Amino acid sequence: MILEKLRHLLPTSAANPYIACALVCCSVATVVLVKWMRQRQIKKKLDARKKKKEQNLIQMQEAVQCFKKQNPAVNLESIVSLSLLELTEKLREGSLSPDSVLYAYLGKAIELDQEVNCVTDFIEESKAQLQELKQMKEKGLLYGVPVSIKEHIDYKGSESSCCLVQYLNIEAEKDSVVIQVLKKQGAIVFAKTNIPQGLYSLSTSNPIFGLTLNPLNHKKLPAGSSGGEGALIGGGGSILGIGTDLAGSIRLPASFCGIAAFKPTAPRLSTIGVTTPLQGFLSVLLALGPMARDVDSLVLCMKALLCDHMFRLDPSVPPIPFRDELYLTMKPLRIGYYDTDGYTMPVPCKRRALHETRKLLQEAGHTLIPFTLPRAGYAMEDLFFKTFFADGCQILYKELEQNIIDPNVIDQFFMYKLFHFARRILAFVTKPVFSRFAKLMNASCGVRSVKELWEMNAAIQAYCEEFTAAWKKLDLDVVLCPILGPAFNIGYTGKLMVTCSSTTLYNVLNFPAGTLPVSTVTEEDEKELRHFKGHYNDFWDKEYKKAVEGGVGLPVAVQCVALPWQDELCLRFMKEVERLTQEKRTRR
């Protein structure tokens, strides 16, 4: 048939079937050659960037070794064992120097990076910042504290590529607002950390910097998208980090890596200078927040960031400083709780840990009230996915198709690549046996018009009102609930994006939410896991079960939530959970 069409199109002299066949072969060969040349160019850029990281690593190793030789009496290991509050006190009183602290964490971060591959870039300017600190007239709240940041947060002179090859070698022209505020408070930004290719994935892996492993168990993963940050802090290579959260990207790595993290109400902290592939996505707001070892560190970071300097740099941020009166209140709390959202059933260790925490809170004098979530599945499938994929995945596809696709995002890329009619057919065929997949396929087709997008935004607002009414009907202060985990085995995070409903819900609602570890996986938990079926007993539930197997000893976290703009109350609740958990461990 092709030859017949060519015969009609070509002049008579060129209509010979052999010539036509040769033309077809030449066309195919040209396409193949162009693709090969393009892949080769991409590989060259990847190799160059990997070499740049190696050189950066060698330079920093040499700097650390030089400091050790010049200061043999400084015990760097004892420095990294201090809490943030202990560290800041010693820095302010002068018993520790910023130089010692920076090189202690640089050394630890380099060592950890070679184990779990969590850093994309060590910031060379951090050494120059030491000299600037000496000239500071007033010591800020984070004076001399080394801070790590997620890769896509702009730092002048560094890349914010979202781990996409087309954005390599494009350096930020100025610091993001959060970096400017950190510097004003005396912090030293010393490292950028790994993220997924294209940012939106549970798997912190990309062809540029590779796969990041969980520091607590190298057969496990740290989740995403702030997975490099979670791994670096969880492994002791950073004392304080800044991540971003759109569907749990701060809280999930914290849950997997056994640290504390906090997603504030958006836009409590400025996101100016934070690069994302979906820069105009405003149906669900991106939040920027701190990650650290304990709640005190999160509180100190929030106090430092919520200052006049940030309010001047970004007038769109409400000028609300940290409210100690909310954080320090001692009144007993009315705490709602639930052990499943009805969409992603927590595995046995998660439900056990939540009810143990509930019991501790009750014994401490707080009032615990069962809370039934209004339509969590609807929030995930009909609100979040529908608006996130509003353009039918076109932008995400175009951003990724210019790259060598990482194996851990190949399933997502395949969905982005499918024609809409193919997604509709898949949804129709799978609906009777795999309803969640069918709904995802339909949602990925996006909206048909601007009017439909507006209607979706109105539906989000209506759902927020419905949820808030259910909350206020019980007169709740805060809510205790599960969070995804424990850490997944290698090879599963890319397949299980739908399991993050526990965190995504509070992005849709824009409620402040934090997480912290309260227990560890036991042998008994592992035995009970054998009988786990989930809510649907579908492919995703079965994969989820496999993903968390072999987790004995890994941290188990809970999630703490408050109403919008009650960020300090949420942190106070987290502190109470942390205090009671620590007291329980001490009694043992």
Protein backbone atom coordinates (compact mmCIF):
# COMPACT_ATOMS: atom_id res chain seq x y z
CA MET A 1 0.00 0.00 0.00
CA ILE A 2 2.84 2.39 0.87
CA LEU A 3 4.55 1.63 -2.42
CA GLU A 4 1.31 2.31 -4.33
CA LYS A 5 0.91 5.71 -2.64
CA LEU A 6 4.52 6.57 -3.39
CA ARG A 7 3.96 5.55 -7.04
CA HIS A 8 1.21 8.18 -7.33
CA LEU A 9 3.16 10.87 -5.49
CA LEU A 10 6.49 10.46 -7.25
CA PRO A 11 7.23 11.55 -10.84
CA THR A 12 7.04 8.73 -13.40
CA SER A 13 10.83 8.50 -13.61
CA ALA A 14 11.06 7.98 -9.90
CA ALA A 15 8.10 5.61 -9.53
CA ASN A 16 10.23 2.51 -9.81
CA PRO A 17 9.40 0.32 -6.78
CA TYR A 18 13.08 -0.20 -6.02
CA ILE A 19 13.68 3.54 -5.89
CA ALA A 20 10.60 3.99 -3.71
CA CYS A 21 11.78 1.24 -1.41
CA ALA A 22 15.20 2.85 -1.21
CA LEU A 23 13.59 6.18 -0.28
CA VAL A 24 11.60 4.53 2.52
CA CYS A 25 14.73 2.83 3.83
CA CYS A 26 16.68 6.09 3.67
CA SER A 27 13.89 7.88 5.58
CA VAL A 28 13.86 5.22 8.31
CA ALA A 29 17.65 5.26 8.50
CA THR A 30 17.61 9.06 8.82
CA VAL A 31 15.11 8.94 11.69
CA VAL A 32 17.19 6.27 13.44
CA LEU A 33 20.38 8.27 12.89
CA VAL A 34 18.83 11.48 14.23
CA LYS A 35 17.60 9.64 17.35
CA TRP A 36 21.02 8.03 17.82
CA MET A 37 22.79 11.39 17.50
CA ARG A 38 20.35 12.96 19.94
CA GLN A 39 20.88 10.16 22.48
CA ARG A 40 24.62 10.55 22.03
CA GLN A 41 24.41 14.30 22.74
CA ILE A 42 22.33 13.61 25.85
CA LYS A 43 24.84 11.02 27.04
CA LYS A 44 27.69 13.51 26.54
CA LYS A 45 25.87 16.07 28.70
CA LEU A 46 25.21 13.43 31.35
CA ASP A 47 28.85 12.30 31.38
CA ALA A 48 30.05 15.91 31.61
CA ARG A 49 27.74 16.60 34.56
CA LYS A 50 28.82 13.41 36.35
CA LYS A 51 32.46 14.41 35.87
CA LYS A 52 31.68 17.86 37.26
CA LYS A 53 30.20 16.27 40.39
CA GLU A 54 33.27 14.04 40.81
CA GLN A 55 35.56 17.08 40.60
CA ASN A 56 33.36 18.97 43.05
CA LEU A 57 33.53 16.01 45.45
CA ILE A 58 37.34 15.79 45.21
CA GLN A 59 37.70 19.53 45.91
CA MET A 60 35.51 19.30 48.99
CA GLN A 61 37.32 16.19 50.24
CA GLU A 62 40.61 18.03 49.94
CA ALA A 63 39.17 21.02 51.82
CA VAL A 64 37.98 18.76 54.66
CA GLN A 65 41.35 16.96 54.86
CA CYS A 66 43.16 20.30 54.90
CA PHE A 67 40.99 21.51 57.80
CA LYS A 68 41.62 18.29 59.76
CA LYS A 69 45.40 18.67 59.36
CA GLN A 70 45.31 22.29 60.48
CA ASN A 71 42.96 21.57 63.39
CA PRO A 72 43.83 18.11 64.74
CA ALA A 73 42.33 18.84 68.17
CA VAL A 74 38.81 19.45 66.81
CA ASN A 75 36.53 16.46 67.39
CA LEU A 76 34.33 16.55 64.28
CA GLU A 77 32.38 13.43 65.26
CA SER A 78 31.19 14.99 68.50
CA ILE A 79 29.93 18.03 66.58
CA VAL A 80 27.61 16.03 64.30
CA SER A 81 26.16 14.26 67.35
CA LEU A 82 24.78 17.52 68.80
CA SER A 83 21.13 18.50 68.42
CA LEU A 84 20.39 21.71 66.57
CA LEU A 85 19.52 23.57 69.78
CA GLU A 86 22.77 22.42 71.41
CA LEU A 87 24.73 23.36 68.30
CA THR A 88 23.27 26.85 67.98
CA GLU A 89 23.93 27.52 71.68
CA LYS A 90 27.60 26.55 71.37
CA LEU A 91 27.98 28.60 68.17
CA ARG A 92 26.46 31.70 69.73
CA GLU A 93 28.54 31.46 72.92
CA GLY A 94 31.70 30.85 70.86
CA SER A 95 32.66 27.41 72.24
CA LEU A 96 32.31 26.10 68.67
CA SER A 97 33.41 27.91 65.54
CA PRO A 98 31.34 27.97 62.32
CA ASP A 99 34.44 26.57 60.52
CA SER A 100 34.50 23.46 62.70
CA VAL A 101 30.77 22.87 62.27
CA LEU A 102 30.82 23.33 58.50
CA TYR A 103 33.75 20.96 57.95
CA ALA A 104 32.28 18.41 60.37
CA TYR A 105 29.11 18.24 58.29
CA LEU A 106 30.92 18.44 54.98
CA GLY A 107 33.01 15.43 55.99
CA LYS A 108 29.98 13.46 57.17
CA ALA A 109 27.95 14.38 54.07
CA ILE A 110 30.77 13.32 51.72
CA GLU A 111 31.08 10.00 53.53
CA LEU A 112 27.32 9.42 53.42
CA ASP A 113 27.00 10.47 49.78
CA GLN A 114 29.47 7.77 48.78
CA GLU A 115 27.21 5.22 50.49
CA VAL A 116 23.71 6.32 49.45
CA ASN A 117 24.22 8.88 46.63
CA CYS A 118 22.13 11.70 48.11
CA VAL A 119 24.00 14.90 47.12
CA THR A 120 23.96 16.51 43.67
CA ASP A 121 26.33 19.36 44.46
CA PHE A 122 28.47 20.61 47.35
CA ILE A 123 28.30 24.39 47.29
CA GLU A 124 31.83 25.76 47.12
CA GLU A 125 30.69 29.22 48.15
CA SER A 126 29.90 27.79 51.59
CA LYS A 127 33.59 28.22 52.47
CA ALA A 128 33.44 31.90 51.51
CA GLN A 129 30.31 32.33 53.65
CA LEU A 130 32.44 31.64 56.71
CA GLN A 131 34.24 34.95 56.15
CA GLU A 132 30.93 36.79 55.74
CA LEU A 133 29.72 35.38 59.05
CA LYS A 134 32.65 36.98 60.87
CA GLN A 135 31.50 40.39 59.62
CA MET A 136 27.87 39.95 60.73
CA LYS A 137 26.88 42.63 63.25
CA GLU A 138 24.12 40.48 64.74
CA LYS A 139 24.09 36.72 65.00
CA GLY A 140 20.91 35.35 63.46
CA LEU A 141 18.90 32.44 64.83
CA LEU A 142 20.78 30.02 62.56
CA TYR A 143 24.23 31.53 62.99
CA GLY A 144 26.85 29.07 61.71
CA VAL A 145 24.34 26.26 61.04
CA PRO A 146 25.04 24.19 57.89
CA VAL A 147 21.84 23.74 55.85
CA SER A 148 21.17 21.49 52.85
CA ILE A 149 18.54 22.26 50.21
CA LYS A 150 16.59 20.34 47.59
CA GLU A 151 18.05 20.45 44.08
CA HIS A 152 15.37 22.63 42.47
CA ILE A 153 15.66 25.50 44.97
CA ASP A 154 17.66 28.31 43.35
CA TYR A 155 21.09 29.09 44.74
CA LYS A 156 23.04 31.71 42.80
CA GLY A 157 25.65 30.06 40.56
CA SER A 158 24.19 26.55 40.93
CA GLU A 159 21.84 24.54 38.71
CA SER A 160 18.17 23.95 39.48
CA SER A 161 17.65 21.44 36.69
CA CYS A 162 14.89 19.27 38.22
CA CYS A 163 17.30 16.54 37.03
CA LEU A 164 16.28 17.14 33.40
CA VAL A 165 19.13 17.20 30.90
CA GLN A 166 17.81 20.24 28.97
CA TYR A 167 18.30 22.42 32.05
CA LEU A 168 21.85 21.33 32.86
CA ASN A 169 24.50 24.08 32.83
CA ILE A 170 21.86 26.77 33.40
CA GLU A 171 22.92 28.46 36.61
CA ALA A 172 20.56 30.45 38.82
CA GLU A 173 21.14 34.18 38.50
CA LYS A 174 20.17 34.90 42.09
CA ASP A 175 19.27 33.17 45.33
CA SER A 176 15.69 32.13 45.99
CA VAL A 177 13.94 34.05 48.74
CA VAL A 178 14.36 31.22 51.26
CA ILE A 179 18.13 31.13 50.62
CA GLN A 180 18.39 34.88 51.11
CA VAL A 181 16.55 34.58 54.43
CA LEU A 182 18.69 31.63 55.57
CA LYS A 183 21.84 33.65 54.85
CA LYS A 184 20.41 36.65 56.69
CA GLN A 185 19.89 34.39 59.72
CA GLY A 186 23.52 33.23 59.55
CA ALA A 187 22.98 29.77 58.03
CA ILE A 188 25.55 28.28 55.65
CA VAL A 189 23.99 26.48 52.68
CA PHE A 190 26.50 23.75 51.88
CA ALA A 191 24.80 21.10 49.72
CA LYS A 192 22.05 20.45 47.17
CA THR A 193 20.32 17.08 47.34
CA ASN A 194 18.99 14.55 44.86
CA ILE A 195 15.44 14.40 43.48
CA PRO A 196 13.49 12.27 40.96
CA GLN A 197 13.81 12.89 37.23
CA GLY A 198 11.30 15.63 36.45
CA LEU A 199 10.55 15.99 40.19
CA TYR A 200 7.13 14.31 40.37
CA SER A 201 7.80 10.78 41.56
CA LEU A 202 8.16 8.74 44.73
CA SER A 203 11.51 7.43 43.46
CA THR A 204 14.57 9.64 44.01
CA SER A 205 16.39 8.50 40.90
CA ASN A 206 17.52 10.05 37.62
CA PRO A 207 20.05 9.37 34.84
CA ILE A 208 22.21 12.35 35.88
CA PHE A 209 22.95 11.57 39.52
CA GLY A 210 21.58 8.04 39.87
CA LEU A 211 19.50 6.30 42.53
CA THR A 212 19.47 7.45 46.16
CA LEU A 213 19.33 4.71 48.80
CA ASN A 214 17.86 4.76 52.29
CA PRO A 215 20.64 5.42 54.86
CA LEU A 216 19.00 3.08 57.39
CA ASN A 217 18.86 0.09 55.04
CA HIS A 218 20.52 0.12 51.63
CA LYS A 219 17.98 -2.37 50.27
CA LYS A 220 15.31 0.26 50.84
CA LEU A 221 14.58 3.67 49.31
CA PRO A 222 14.06 7.13 50.86
CA ALA A 223 10.92 8.01 48.82
CA GLY A 224 10.60 11.36 47.07
CA SER A 225 10.66 13.90 45.87
CA SER A 226 12.79 15.34 48.71
CA GLY A 227 14.46 11.91 48.98
CA GLY A 228 18.03 13.17 48.83
CA GLU A 229 17.24 15.56 51.67
CA GLY A 230 15.62 12.81 53.74
CA ALA A 231 18.57 10.47 53.17
CA LEU A 232 21.19 13.12 54.00
CA ILE A 233 19.51 14.16 57.27
CA GLY A 234 18.49 10.60 58.18
CA GLY A 235 22.09 9.46 57.76
CA GLY A 236 23.49 12.33 59.85
CA GLY A 237 25.06 14.27 56.96
CA SER A 238 22.96 17.39 57.56
CA ILE A 239 21.33 18.83 60.65
CA LEU A 240 18.69 20.91 58.86
CA GLY A 241 17.27 20.83 55.35
CA ILE A 242 14.72 22.59 53.19
CA GLY A 243 12.39 20.58 50.96
CA THR A 244 9.20 21.14 48.99
CA ASP A 245 5.87 19.35 49.22
CA LEU A 246 3.09 18.97 46.63
CA ALA A 247 1.77 15.47 47.44
CA GLY A 248 3.86 14.55 50.48
CA SER A 249 7.34 15.22 49.10
CA ILE A 250 8.66 16.48 52.45
CA ARG A 251 6.71 14.16 54.72
CA LEU A 252 7.17 10.86 52.86
CA PRO A 253 11.02 10.93 52.83
CA ALA A 254 10.88 11.88 56.52
CA SER A 255 8.62 8.90 57.21
CA PHE A 256 10.90 6.54 55.26
CA CYS A 257 14.16 7.87 56.77
CA GLY A 258 13.10 8.28 60.41
CA ILE A 259 13.28 12.06 60.74
CA ALA A 260 10.85 14.91 61.46
CA ALA A 261 9.42 17.19 58.77
CA PHE A 262 6.80 19.90 58.47
CA LYS A 263 4.67 21.15 55.56
CA PRO A 264 3.29 24.58 56.49
CA THR A 265 0.16 26.16 55.13
CA ALA A 266 0.95 27.53 51.66
CA PRO A 267 2.15 30.25 51.18
CA ARG A 268 3.38 30.69 54.76
CA LEU A 269 6.92 30.41 53.34
CA SER A 270 7.94 32.02 50.05
CA THR A 271 8.40 29.78 47.00
CA ILE A 272 9.94 32.49 44.81
CA GLY A 273 13.01 30.95 43.19
CA VAL A 274 11.76 27.37 43.41
CA THR A 275 11.84 25.80 39.93
CA THR A 276 9.32 23.16 38.81
CA PRO A 277 8.27 21.70 35.44
CA LEU A 278 4.64 22.67 36.27
CA GLN A 279 5.37 26.28 37.17
CA GLY A 280 1.77 27.42 36.59
CA PHE A 281 0.02 24.65 38.53
CA LEU A 282 -1.98 26.50 41.19
CA SER A 283 -4.99 24.25 41.87
CA VAL A 284 -2.96 22.61 44.64
CA LEU A 285 -0.24 24.83 46.10
CA LEU A 286 3.40 23.83 46.46
CA ALA A 287 4.64 24.26 50.03
CA LEU A 288 8.21 24.76 51.18
CA GLY A 289 9.20 23.46 54.61
CA PRO A 290 11.93 22.23 56.98
CA MET A 291 13.26 18.69 57.55
CA ALA A 292 15.36 17.81 60.61
CA ARG A 293 16.06 15.24 63.33
CA ASP A 294 13.53 16.57 65.85
CA VAL A 295 10.61 18.94 66.29
CA ASP A 296 12.67 21.59 68.15
CA SER A 297 14.76 21.97 65.00
CA LEU A 298 11.65 22.44 62.84
CA VAL A 299 10.38 25.11 65.22
CA LEU A 300 13.69 26.99 65.24
CA CYS A 301 13.81 26.93 61.45
CA MET A 302 10.25 28.25 61.15
CA LYS A 303 11.04 31.03 63.64
CA ALA A 304 14.10 31.99 61.61
CA LEU A 305 12.29 32.00 58.26
CA LEU A 306 9.13 33.82 59.41
CA CYS A 307 10.88 37.16 59.73
CA ASP A 308 10.59 40.69 58.37
CA HIS A 309 13.30 40.00 55.80
CA MET A 310 11.17 37.35 54.09
CA PHE A 311 8.05 39.51 54.29
CA ARG A 312 9.93 42.33 52.53
CA LEU A 313 11.42 40.08 49.85
CA ASP A 314 8.05 38.48 49.06
CA PRO A 315 5.04 40.70 49.87
CA SER A 316 2.68 37.89 48.78
CA VAL A 317 3.59 35.98 51.95
CA PRO A 318 1.29 36.90 54.86
CA PRO A 319 3.40 38.89 57.35
CA ILE A 320 2.71 36.54 60.25
CA PRO A 321 5.76 35.89 62.45
CA PHE A 322 5.98 32.68 64.48
CA ARG A 323 3.30 32.80 67.19
CA ASP A 324 4.75 31.47 70.44
CA GLU A 325 1.38 31.84 72.17
CA LEU A 326 0.01 29.04 69.98
CA TYR A 327 3.10 26.84 70.19
CA LEU A 328 3.63 27.15 73.94
CA THR A 329 0.01 26.65 75.01
CA MET A 330 -0.35 23.89 77.60
CA LYS A 331 -4.10 23.35 77.37
CA PRO A 332 -5.24 19.78 76.67
CA LEU A 333 -6.06 19.18 73.03
CA ARG A 334 -9.15 17.76 71.35
CA ILE A 335 -7.57 15.33 68.91
CA GLY A 336 -9.40 13.61 66.08
CA TYR A 337 -7.90 10.37 64.82
CA TYR A 338 -8.37 7.74 62.12
CA ASP A 339 -6.30 4.71 61.15
CA THR A 340 -7.19 4.58 57.45
CA ASP A 341 -8.33 7.06 54.84
CA GLY A 342 -10.40 4.40 53.05
CA TYR A 343 -8.17 4.54 49.97
CA THR A 344 -4.69 3.34 50.96
CA MET A 345 -4.90 1.02 53.95
CA PRO A 346 -1.89 1.37 56.27
CA VAL A 347 0.09 -1.81 56.83
CA PRO A 348 -0.07 -3.42 60.33
CA CYS A 349 2.92 -1.60 61.83
CA LYS A 350 1.39 1.76 60.90
CA ARG A 351 -1.98 1.06 62.51
CA ARG A 352 -0.31 -0.33 65.63
CA ALA A 353 1.93 2.73 66.00
CA LEU A 354 -1.00 5.09 65.53
CA HIS A 355 -3.11 3.43 68.22
CA GLU A 356 -0.15 3.28 70.61
CA THR A 357 0.31 7.02 70.10
CA ARG A 358 -3.42 7.60 70.59
CA LYS A 359 -3.25 5.75 73.91
CA LEU A 360 -0.25 7.81 75.07
CA LEU A 361 -2.10 11.04 74.27
CA GLN A 362 -5.20 9.88 76.14
CA GLU A 363 -3.14 8.97 79.20
CA ALA A 364 -1.56 12.44 79.07
CA GLY A 365 -4.98 14.06 79.47
CA HIS A 366 -5.92 14.88 75.90
CA THR A 367 -9.33 14.05 74.45
CA LEU A 368 -9.23 11.59 71.53
CA ILE A 369 -12.21 11.49 69.16
CA PRO A 370 -12.69 9.13 66.18
CA PHE A 371 -12.81 11.16 62.95
CA THR A 372 -14.35 9.85 59.74
CA LEU A 373 -12.75 11.35 56.64
CA PRO A 374 -15.12 12.82 54.08
CA ARG A 375 -14.45 11.11 50.72
CA ALA A 376 -10.64 10.79 50.72
CA GLY A 377 -10.71 8.73 47.51
CA TYR A 378 -12.63 11.52 45.81
CA ALA A 379 -9.98 14.03 46.91
CA MET A 380 -7.23 11.84 45.45
CA GLU A 381 -8.78 10.70 42.17
CA ASP A 382 -11.28 13.39 41.21
CA LEU A 383 -9.56 16.47 42.61
CA PHE A 384 -5.79 15.99 42.81
CA PHE A 385 -5.12 13.78 39.79
CA LYS A 386 -7.68 15.54 37.62
CA THR A 387 -6.12 18.97 38.19
CA PHE A 388 -2.51 17.75 38.27
CA PHE A 389 -3.03 16.15 34.84
CA ALA A 390 -5.29 18.98 33.62
CA ASP A 391 -3.33 19.37 30.37
CA GLY A 392 -3.51 15.63 29.66
CA CYS A 393 0.13 15.20 30.82
CA GLN A 394 1.45 17.17 27.84
CA ILE A 395 3.93 19.34 29.75
CA LEU A 396 5.34 16.43 31.75
CA TYR A 397 5.65 14.35 28.58
CA LYS A 398 7.45 17.13 26.68
CA GLU A 399 9.84 17.74 29.57
CA LEU A 400 10.73 14.05 29.95
CA GLU A 401 10.85 13.04 26.29
CA GLN A 402 13.98 15.17 25.80
CA ASN A 403 15.80 12.83 28.19
CA ILE A 404 16.99 9.27 28.60
CA ILE A 405 14.13 7.99 30.77
CA ASP A 406 15.05 6.71 34.20
CA PRO A 407 13.80 3.13 34.80
CA ASN A 408 12.03 4.25 37.97
CA VAL A 409 9.78 6.73 36.13
CA ILE A 410 9.23 4.62 33.00
CA ASP A 411 5.70 3.62 34.09
CA GLN A 412 4.70 7.27 34.54
CA PHE A 413 6.31 8.25 31.24
CA PHE A 414 4.42 5.48 29.45
CA MET A 415 1.15 6.91 30.76
CA TYR A 416 2.14 10.45 29.72
CA LYS A 417 3.01 9.16 26.23
CA LEU A 418 -0.27 7.33 25.56
CA PHE A 419 -2.81 8.96 23.26
CA HIS A 420 -6.00 10.02 25.03
CA PHE A 421 -8.18 7.49 23.22
CA ALA A 422 -5.79 4.71 24.35
CA ARG A 423 -6.14 5.86 27.97
CA ARG A 424 -9.92 5.92 27.63
CA ILE A 425 -9.91 2.39 26.20
CA LEU A 426 -7.63 1.18 29.01
CA ALA A 427 -9.93 2.80 31.56
CA PHE A 428 -13.01 1.13 30.04
CA VAL A 429 -11.39 -2.32 29.81
CA THR A 430 -9.87 -2.30 33.34
CA LYS A 431 -12.77 -0.68 35.21
CA PRO A 432 -14.45 -3.98 36.27
CA VAL A 433 -11.25 -5.51 37.67
CA PHE A 434 -8.97 -2.54 38.51
CA SER A 435 -11.18 0.46 39.24
CA ARG A 436 -8.44 2.66 40.72
CA PHE A 437 -6.28 2.26 37.62
CA ALA A 438 -9.28 3.05 35.42
CA LYS A 439 -9.94 6.26 37.35
CA LEU A 440 -6.27 7.27 37.08
CA MET A 441 -6.37 6.71 33.31
CA ASN A 442 -9.49 8.85 32.98
CA ALA A 443 -7.99 11.57 35.19
CA SER A 444 -4.78 11.59 33.13
CA CYS A 445 -6.79 12.66 30.07
CA GLY A 446 -7.11 16.06 31.71
CA VAL A 447 -9.89 18.62 31.36
CA ARG A 448 -11.61 19.50 28.12
CA SER A 449 -11.91 23.26 28.63
CA VAL A 450 -10.99 26.21 30.80
CA LYS A 451 -14.54 26.09 32.14
CA GLU A 452 -13.99 22.51 33.33
CA LEU A 453 -10.74 23.52 35.06
CA TRP A 454 -12.57 26.32 36.85
CA GLU A 455 -15.22 23.82 37.90
CA MET A 456 -12.50 21.54 39.29
CA ASN A 457 -11.04 24.43 41.27
CA ALA A 458 -14.51 25.20 42.60
CA ALA A 459 -14.90 21.52 43.55
CA ILE A 460 -11.64 21.70 45.55
CA GLN A 461 -12.96 24.74 47.41
CA ALA A 462 -16.27 22.98 48.11
CA TYR A 463 -14.44 19.91 49.39
CA CYS A 464 -12.30 22.05 51.71
CA GLU A 465 -15.47 23.56 53.14
CA GLU A 466 -17.03 20.09 53.57
CA PHE A 467 -13.91 18.77 55.32
CA THR A 468 -13.60 21.81 57.59
CA ALA A 469 -17.27 21.54 58.57
CA ALA A 470 -16.78 17.88 59.59
CA TRP A 471 -13.70 18.94 61.62
CA LYS A 472 -15.49 21.81 63.36
CA LYS A 473 -18.57 19.71 64.09
CA LEU A 474 -16.38 17.67 66.47
CA ASP A 475 -14.66 20.84 67.75
CA LEU A 476 -11.23 19.40 67.00
CA ASP A 477 -7.93 21.19 67.55
CA VAL A 478 -5.76 18.76 65.58
CA VAL A 479 -5.88 15.33 63.91
CA LEU A 480 -3.62 12.28 64.34
CA CYS A 481 -3.45 10.02 61.30
CA PRO A 482 -1.26 7.53 59.40
CA ILE A 483 1.37 8.28 56.79
CA LEU A 484 2.75 6.02 54.08
CA GLY A 485 5.59 3.69 55.05
CA PRO A 486 7.74 2.02 56.22
CA ALA A 487 10.47 2.42 53.59
CA PHE A 488 9.90 0.65 50.27
CA ASN A 489 12.17 -1.96 48.71
CA ILE A 490 14.13 -0.98 45.60
CA GLY A 491 12.03 -1.10 42.45
CA TYR A 492 8.62 -0.25 43.91
CA THR A 493 8.44 3.52 44.46
CA GLY A 494 8.02 4.24 40.75
CA LYS A 495 4.94 1.99 40.59
CA LEU A 496 3.09 3.20 43.67
CA MET A 497 2.47 6.92 43.29
CA VAL A 498 -1.21 6.31 44.14
CA THR A 499 -0.32 5.12 47.66
CA CYS A 500 0.50 8.66 48.82
CA SER A 501 -3.17 9.50 49.51
CA SER A 502 -2.42 9.97 53.23
CA THR A 503 -0.29 13.03 52.47
CA THR A 504 -1.84 14.29 49.22
CA LEU A 505 -5.14 14.88 51.01
CA TYR A 506 -3.59 17.68 53.08
CA ASN A 507 -2.03 19.30 50.03
CA VAL A 508 -5.47 19.45 48.39
CA LEU A 509 -6.89 20.93 51.62
CA ASN A 510 -3.81 23.13 52.24
CA PHE A 511 -3.72 22.12 55.92
CA PRO A 512 -0.39 22.27 57.79
CA ALA A 513 0.90 18.75 58.41
CA GLY A 514 4.01 17.19 59.88
CA THR A 515 5.43 13.77 60.53
CA LEU A 516 7.77 12.20 63.06
CA PRO A 517 8.85 8.64 63.99
CA VAL A 518 7.15 7.02 66.97
CA SER A 519 8.09 3.33 66.69
CA THR A 520 9.92 0.71 64.62
CA VAL A 521 8.76 -2.32 62.64
CA THR A 522 8.68 -5.48 64.78
CA GLU A 523 8.82 -9.17 63.94
CA GLU A 524 5.15 -9.41 64.90
CA ASP A 525 4.32 -6.61 62.43
CA GLU A 526 6.11 -8.54 59.72
CA LYS A 527 4.07 -11.68 60.49
CA GLU A 528 0.80 -9.75 60.34
CA LEU A 529 1.83 -8.24 57.02
CA ARG A 530 1.44 -11.68 55.41
CA HIS A 531 -2.34 -11.33 55.77
CA PHE A 532 -2.50 -7.75 54.45
CA LYS A 533 -4.91 -7.25 51.54
CA GLY A 534 -5.54 -3.51 51.55
CA HIS A 535 -8.91 -1.92 50.81
CA TYR A 536 -9.16 -3.15 47.22
CA ASN A 537 -6.89 -6.21 47.11
CA ASP A 538 -5.92 -5.02 43.62
CA PHE A 539 -2.52 -4.92 41.91
CA TRP A 540 -1.44 -1.76 43.76
CA ASP A 541 -2.38 -3.17 47.17
CA LYS A 542 -0.41 -6.34 46.38
CA GLU A 543 2.60 -4.33 45.21
CA TYR A 544 2.40 -2.16 48.32
CA LYS A 545 2.59 -5.28 50.48
CA LYS A 546 5.69 -6.48 48.61
CA ALA A 547 7.24 -3.01 48.78
CA VAL A 548 7.31 -2.88 52.60
CA GLU A 549 8.37 -6.48 53.27
CA GLY A 550 11.62 -7.01 55.18
CA GLY A 551 11.28 -3.80 57.18
CA VAL A 552 12.04 -5.04 60.71
CA GLY A 553 13.81 -2.29 62.64
CA LEU A 554 12.84 0.51 60.27
CA PRO A 555 11.14 3.64 61.66
CA VAL A 556 7.36 3.93 61.77
CA ALA A 557 5.90 7.44 61.70
CA VAL A 558 2.58 9.17 62.30
CA GLN A 559 1.18 12.35 60.79
CA CYS A 560 -0.06 15.40 62.72
CA VAL A 561 -2.46 17.89 61.12
CA ALA A 562 -4.07 21.24 62.02
CA LEU A 563 -6.39 23.73 60.31
CA PRO A 564 -4.96 26.26 57.81
CA TRP A 565 -2.73 28.94 59.37
CA GLN A 566 -2.58 26.99 62.65
CA ASP A 567 1.00 25.93 61.85
CA GLU A 568 2.29 26.62 65.36
CA LEU A 569 -0.47 24.50 66.89
CA CYS A 570 0.45 21.65 64.54
CA LEU A 571 4.08 21.90 65.67
CA ARG A 572 2.98 22.00 69.30
CA PHE A 573 1.01 18.77 68.71
CA MET A 574 4.07 17.19 67.06
CA LYS A 575 6.19 18.20 70.04
CA GLU A 576 3.69 16.60 72.42
CA VAL A 577 3.76 13.34 70.44
CA GLU A 578 7.57 13.43 70.40
CA ARG A 579 7.75 14.09 74.16
CA LEU A 580 5.39 11.26 75.05
CA THR A 581 7.13 8.83 72.70
CA GLN A 582 10.55 9.65 74.18
CA GLU A 583 9.22 9.24 77.73
CA LYS A 584 7.83 5.84 76.79
CA ARG A 585 11.23 4.76 75.43
CA THR A 586 12.94 6.00 78.60
CA ARG A 587 10.58 3.95 80.79
CA ARG A 588 11.53 0.83 78.87
